[in-house]
N, C-alpha and C. Protein backbone atom coordinates (compact mmCIF):
# COMPACT_ATOMS: atom_id res chain seq x y z
N MET A 1 120.55 78.79 111.38
CA MET A 1 119.53 79.79 111.45
C MET A 1 119.96 80.79 112.58
N LYS A 2 119.91 82.10 112.34
CA LYS A 2 120.16 83.02 113.35
C LYS A 2 119.12 84.09 113.36
N HIS A 3 118.41 84.23 114.43
CA HIS A 3 117.49 85.18 114.65
C HIS A 3 117.58 85.75 116.10
N ARG A 4 117.45 87.04 116.16
CA ARG A 4 117.50 87.71 117.46
C ARG A 4 118.78 87.28 118.21
N HIS A 5 118.65 86.80 119.36
CA HIS A 5 119.71 86.30 120.17
C HIS A 5 120.05 84.86 120.03
N LEU A 6 119.25 84.15 119.07
CA LEU A 6 119.26 82.79 118.97
C LEU A 6 120.22 82.42 117.76
N ASP A 7 121.12 81.53 118.03
CA ASP A 7 122.07 81.04 116.94
C ASP A 7 122.06 79.59 117.13
N VAL A 8 121.24 78.83 116.38
CA VAL A 8 121.03 77.46 116.58
C VAL A 8 121.29 76.70 115.19
N ALA A 9 121.46 75.41 115.27
CA ALA A 9 121.59 74.64 114.14
C ALA A 9 120.26 74.55 113.37
N ASP A 10 120.32 74.41 112.06
CA ASP A 10 119.27 74.27 111.22
C ASP A 10 118.22 73.30 111.58
N ASP A 11 118.70 72.20 112.23
CA ASP A 11 117.74 71.07 112.54
C ASP A 11 117.33 71.11 114.04
N TYR A 12 117.59 72.23 114.71
CA TYR A 12 117.12 72.40 116.05
C TYR A 12 116.02 73.45 116.14
N HIS A 13 114.85 73.05 116.78
CA HIS A 13 113.79 74.07 116.93
C HIS A 13 113.33 73.86 118.35
N SER A 14 112.87 74.97 118.93
CA SER A 14 112.13 75.08 120.22
C SER A 14 111.09 76.04 120.06
N VAL A 15 110.29 76.28 121.07
CA VAL A 15 109.17 77.32 121.07
C VAL A 15 109.77 78.59 120.69
N ALA A 16 110.97 78.97 121.39
CA ALA A 16 111.64 80.23 121.10
C ALA A 16 112.03 80.39 119.61
N THR A 17 112.62 79.30 119.03
CA THR A 17 113.16 79.43 117.71
C THR A 17 111.89 79.46 116.69
N VAL A 18 110.88 78.74 117.01
CA VAL A 18 109.70 78.84 116.08
C VAL A 18 109.12 80.21 116.22
N LEU A 19 108.97 80.79 117.40
CA LEU A 19 108.49 82.20 117.53
C LEU A 19 109.33 83.07 116.71
N SER A 20 110.62 82.94 116.76
CA SER A 20 111.51 83.83 116.01
C SER A 20 111.35 83.64 114.50
N VAL A 21 111.17 82.47 114.08
CA VAL A 21 110.89 82.31 112.62
C VAL A 21 109.61 82.97 112.21
N LEU A 22 108.60 82.78 113.00
CA LEU A 22 107.27 83.40 112.75
C LEU A 22 107.32 84.96 112.79
N GLU A 23 108.10 85.46 113.68
CA GLU A 23 108.13 86.90 113.84
C GLU A 23 109.15 87.59 112.99
N ARG A 24 110.29 87.04 112.66
CA ARG A 24 111.37 87.69 111.99
C ARG A 24 112.01 86.84 110.88
N GLY A 25 111.51 85.65 110.68
CA GLY A 25 112.17 84.77 109.72
C GLY A 25 111.87 85.17 108.28
N SER A 26 112.66 84.77 107.37
CA SER A 26 112.55 84.89 105.99
C SER A 26 111.51 83.91 105.38
N SER A 27 111.01 84.05 104.22
CA SER A 27 110.17 83.04 103.63
C SER A 27 110.86 81.70 103.55
N GLN A 28 112.13 81.63 103.32
CA GLN A 28 112.88 80.46 103.32
C GLN A 28 112.92 79.78 104.63
N ASP A 29 112.97 80.54 105.72
CA ASP A 29 112.88 80.01 107.06
C ASP A 29 111.58 79.31 107.36
N VAL A 30 110.57 79.93 106.91
CA VAL A 30 109.21 79.41 107.12
C VAL A 30 109.00 78.19 106.28
N ILE A 31 109.45 78.19 105.06
CA ILE A 31 109.37 77.00 104.18
C ILE A 31 110.12 75.80 104.80
N ALA A 32 111.35 76.12 105.35
CA ALA A 32 112.17 75.04 106.09
C ALA A 32 111.37 74.48 107.26
N LEU A 33 110.82 75.41 108.01
CA LEU A 33 109.95 74.95 109.17
C LEU A 33 108.76 74.07 108.67
N LEU A 34 108.03 74.49 107.74
CA LEU A 34 106.97 73.68 107.25
C LEU A 34 107.43 72.40 106.70
N ALA A 35 108.58 72.31 106.00
CA ALA A 35 109.11 71.07 105.57
C ALA A 35 109.44 70.16 106.69
N ALA A 36 109.98 70.63 107.70
CA ALA A 36 110.33 69.81 108.95
C ALA A 36 109.01 69.29 109.55
N LEU A 37 108.05 70.12 109.67
CA LEU A 37 106.73 69.72 110.26
C LEU A 37 106.05 68.69 109.37
N ARG A 38 106.09 68.82 108.13
CA ARG A 38 105.52 67.81 107.18
C ARG A 38 106.20 66.49 107.33
N ALA A 39 107.48 66.46 107.52
CA ALA A 39 108.20 65.25 107.62
C ALA A 39 107.91 64.57 109.02
N ALA A 40 107.49 65.28 109.98
CA ALA A 40 107.22 64.68 111.30
C ALA A 40 106.15 65.41 112.10
N PRO A 41 104.92 65.22 111.60
CA PRO A 41 103.76 65.92 112.20
C PRO A 41 103.46 65.63 113.71
N TRP A 42 104.01 64.59 114.20
CA TRP A 42 103.85 64.21 115.61
C TRP A 42 104.99 64.42 116.49
N SER A 43 106.01 65.06 115.93
CA SER A 43 107.29 65.27 116.68
C SER A 43 107.25 66.33 117.75
N ALA A 44 108.36 66.37 118.57
CA ALA A 44 108.41 67.45 119.60
C ALA A 44 108.37 68.79 118.90
N LEU A 45 108.98 68.93 117.65
CA LEU A 45 109.05 70.10 116.89
C LEU A 45 107.61 70.54 116.68
N ALA A 46 106.76 69.65 116.21
CA ALA A 46 105.35 69.95 116.06
C ALA A 46 104.67 70.41 117.27
N GLU A 47 104.90 69.91 118.41
CA GLU A 47 104.26 70.37 119.61
C GLU A 47 104.80 71.77 119.95
N ASP A 48 106.15 72.01 119.76
CA ASP A 48 106.72 73.25 120.06
C ASP A 48 106.10 74.32 118.99
N ALA A 49 105.89 73.92 117.83
CA ALA A 49 105.33 74.82 116.86
C ALA A 49 103.86 75.23 117.26
N LEU A 50 103.08 74.22 117.69
CA LEU A 50 101.76 74.59 118.12
C LEU A 50 101.77 75.51 119.33
N ALA A 51 102.79 75.25 120.22
CA ALA A 51 102.81 76.17 121.48
C ALA A 51 103.27 77.53 121.07
N ALA A 52 104.10 77.65 120.05
CA ALA A 52 104.65 78.91 119.54
C ALA A 52 103.37 79.65 118.84
N CYS A 53 102.66 78.95 118.04
CA CYS A 53 101.44 79.46 117.32
C CYS A 53 100.52 80.09 118.39
N ALA A 54 100.31 79.41 119.46
CA ALA A 54 99.44 79.91 120.53
C ALA A 54 99.86 81.20 121.09
N GLN A 55 101.26 81.41 121.12
CA GLN A 55 101.80 82.57 121.74
C GLN A 55 102.01 83.78 120.76
N SER A 56 101.94 83.48 119.51
CA SER A 56 102.26 84.47 118.49
C SER A 56 101.09 85.41 118.18
N ASP A 57 101.54 86.72 117.84
CA ASP A 57 100.60 87.69 117.37
C ASP A 57 100.67 87.92 115.90
N VAL A 58 101.59 87.08 115.23
CA VAL A 58 101.84 87.23 113.82
C VAL A 58 100.53 86.83 113.05
N TYR A 59 100.21 87.54 112.00
CA TYR A 59 99.05 87.18 111.26
C TYR A 59 99.38 86.19 110.13
N GLY A 60 98.63 85.14 109.99
CA GLY A 60 98.73 84.24 108.84
C GLY A 60 99.51 82.95 109.15
N TYR A 61 100.75 82.98 109.48
CA TYR A 61 101.52 81.78 109.54
C TYR A 61 101.15 80.81 110.68
N PRO A 62 100.72 81.31 111.85
CA PRO A 62 100.31 80.46 112.91
C PRO A 62 99.10 79.65 112.47
N ALA A 63 98.14 80.24 111.76
CA ALA A 63 96.95 79.58 111.30
C ALA A 63 97.28 78.62 110.23
N LEU A 64 98.24 78.95 109.43
CA LEU A 64 98.66 77.97 108.36
C LEU A 64 99.41 76.75 108.98
N ILE A 65 100.20 76.98 109.93
CA ILE A 65 100.92 75.84 110.65
C ILE A 65 99.80 74.92 111.35
N ARG A 66 98.93 75.50 112.04
CA ARG A 66 97.90 74.71 112.78
C ARG A 66 97.02 73.88 111.67
N LEU A 67 96.63 74.53 110.64
CA LEU A 67 95.91 73.84 109.59
C LEU A 67 96.75 72.74 108.92
N CYS A 68 97.84 73.01 108.65
CA CYS A 68 98.69 71.99 108.02
C CYS A 68 98.95 70.83 108.93
N LEU A 69 99.35 71.12 110.20
CA LEU A 69 99.58 69.94 111.05
C LEU A 69 98.32 69.17 111.28
N ASP A 70 97.19 69.83 111.36
CA ASP A 70 95.84 69.12 111.45
C ASP A 70 95.70 68.11 110.30
N GLN A 71 95.91 68.62 109.09
CA GLN A 71 95.72 67.85 107.90
C GLN A 71 96.85 66.69 107.82
N TRP A 72 98.07 67.06 108.14
CA TRP A 72 99.12 65.98 108.03
C TRP A 72 98.92 64.99 109.15
N ARG A 73 98.42 65.34 110.22
CA ARG A 73 98.19 64.30 111.28
C ARG A 73 96.97 63.44 110.94
N LYS A 74 95.99 64.01 110.32
CA LYS A 74 94.89 63.19 109.78
C LYS A 74 95.33 62.08 108.82
N GLY A 75 96.30 62.55 107.99
CA GLY A 75 96.82 61.62 106.97
C GLY A 75 97.75 60.61 107.56
N ASP A 76 98.08 60.76 108.78
CA ASP A 76 99.05 59.89 109.51
C ASP A 76 98.49 59.53 110.84
N ALA A 77 97.25 58.96 110.75
CA ALA A 77 96.50 58.69 111.98
C ALA A 77 96.98 57.80 112.93
N ASP A 78 98.04 56.92 112.53
CA ASP A 78 98.55 56.01 113.50
C ASP A 78 99.71 56.52 114.37
N GLY A 79 100.01 57.79 114.07
CA GLY A 79 101.05 58.47 114.93
C GLY A 79 102.45 58.37 114.65
N THR A 80 102.79 57.63 113.46
CA THR A 80 104.11 57.43 112.98
C THR A 80 104.35 58.53 111.92
N ASP A 81 105.66 58.89 111.83
CA ASP A 81 105.98 59.88 110.83
C ASP A 81 105.69 59.46 109.45
N LEU A 82 105.32 60.41 108.60
CA LEU A 82 105.09 60.12 107.21
C LEU A 82 106.34 59.85 106.46
N GLU A 83 106.36 59.01 105.53
CA GLU A 83 107.62 58.79 104.76
C GLU A 83 107.60 59.42 103.45
């Protein structure tokens, strides 16, 4: 993934890369982010995504990410990743 000044591996995310995806990413970038969050709703990526959503002024995607994580975490109440 390459956005702005960030050039990172596809499997690495941080608050800055999530913000970049939200602000400038393609629909494929957002789908890849959601897939990664679905696979690990309790991960460091999920926490970074929530932090990025709190900082983002983008309409739509931050609310979607928060809603999805809330539902995925409810479905995985013991805190282990879904399989």
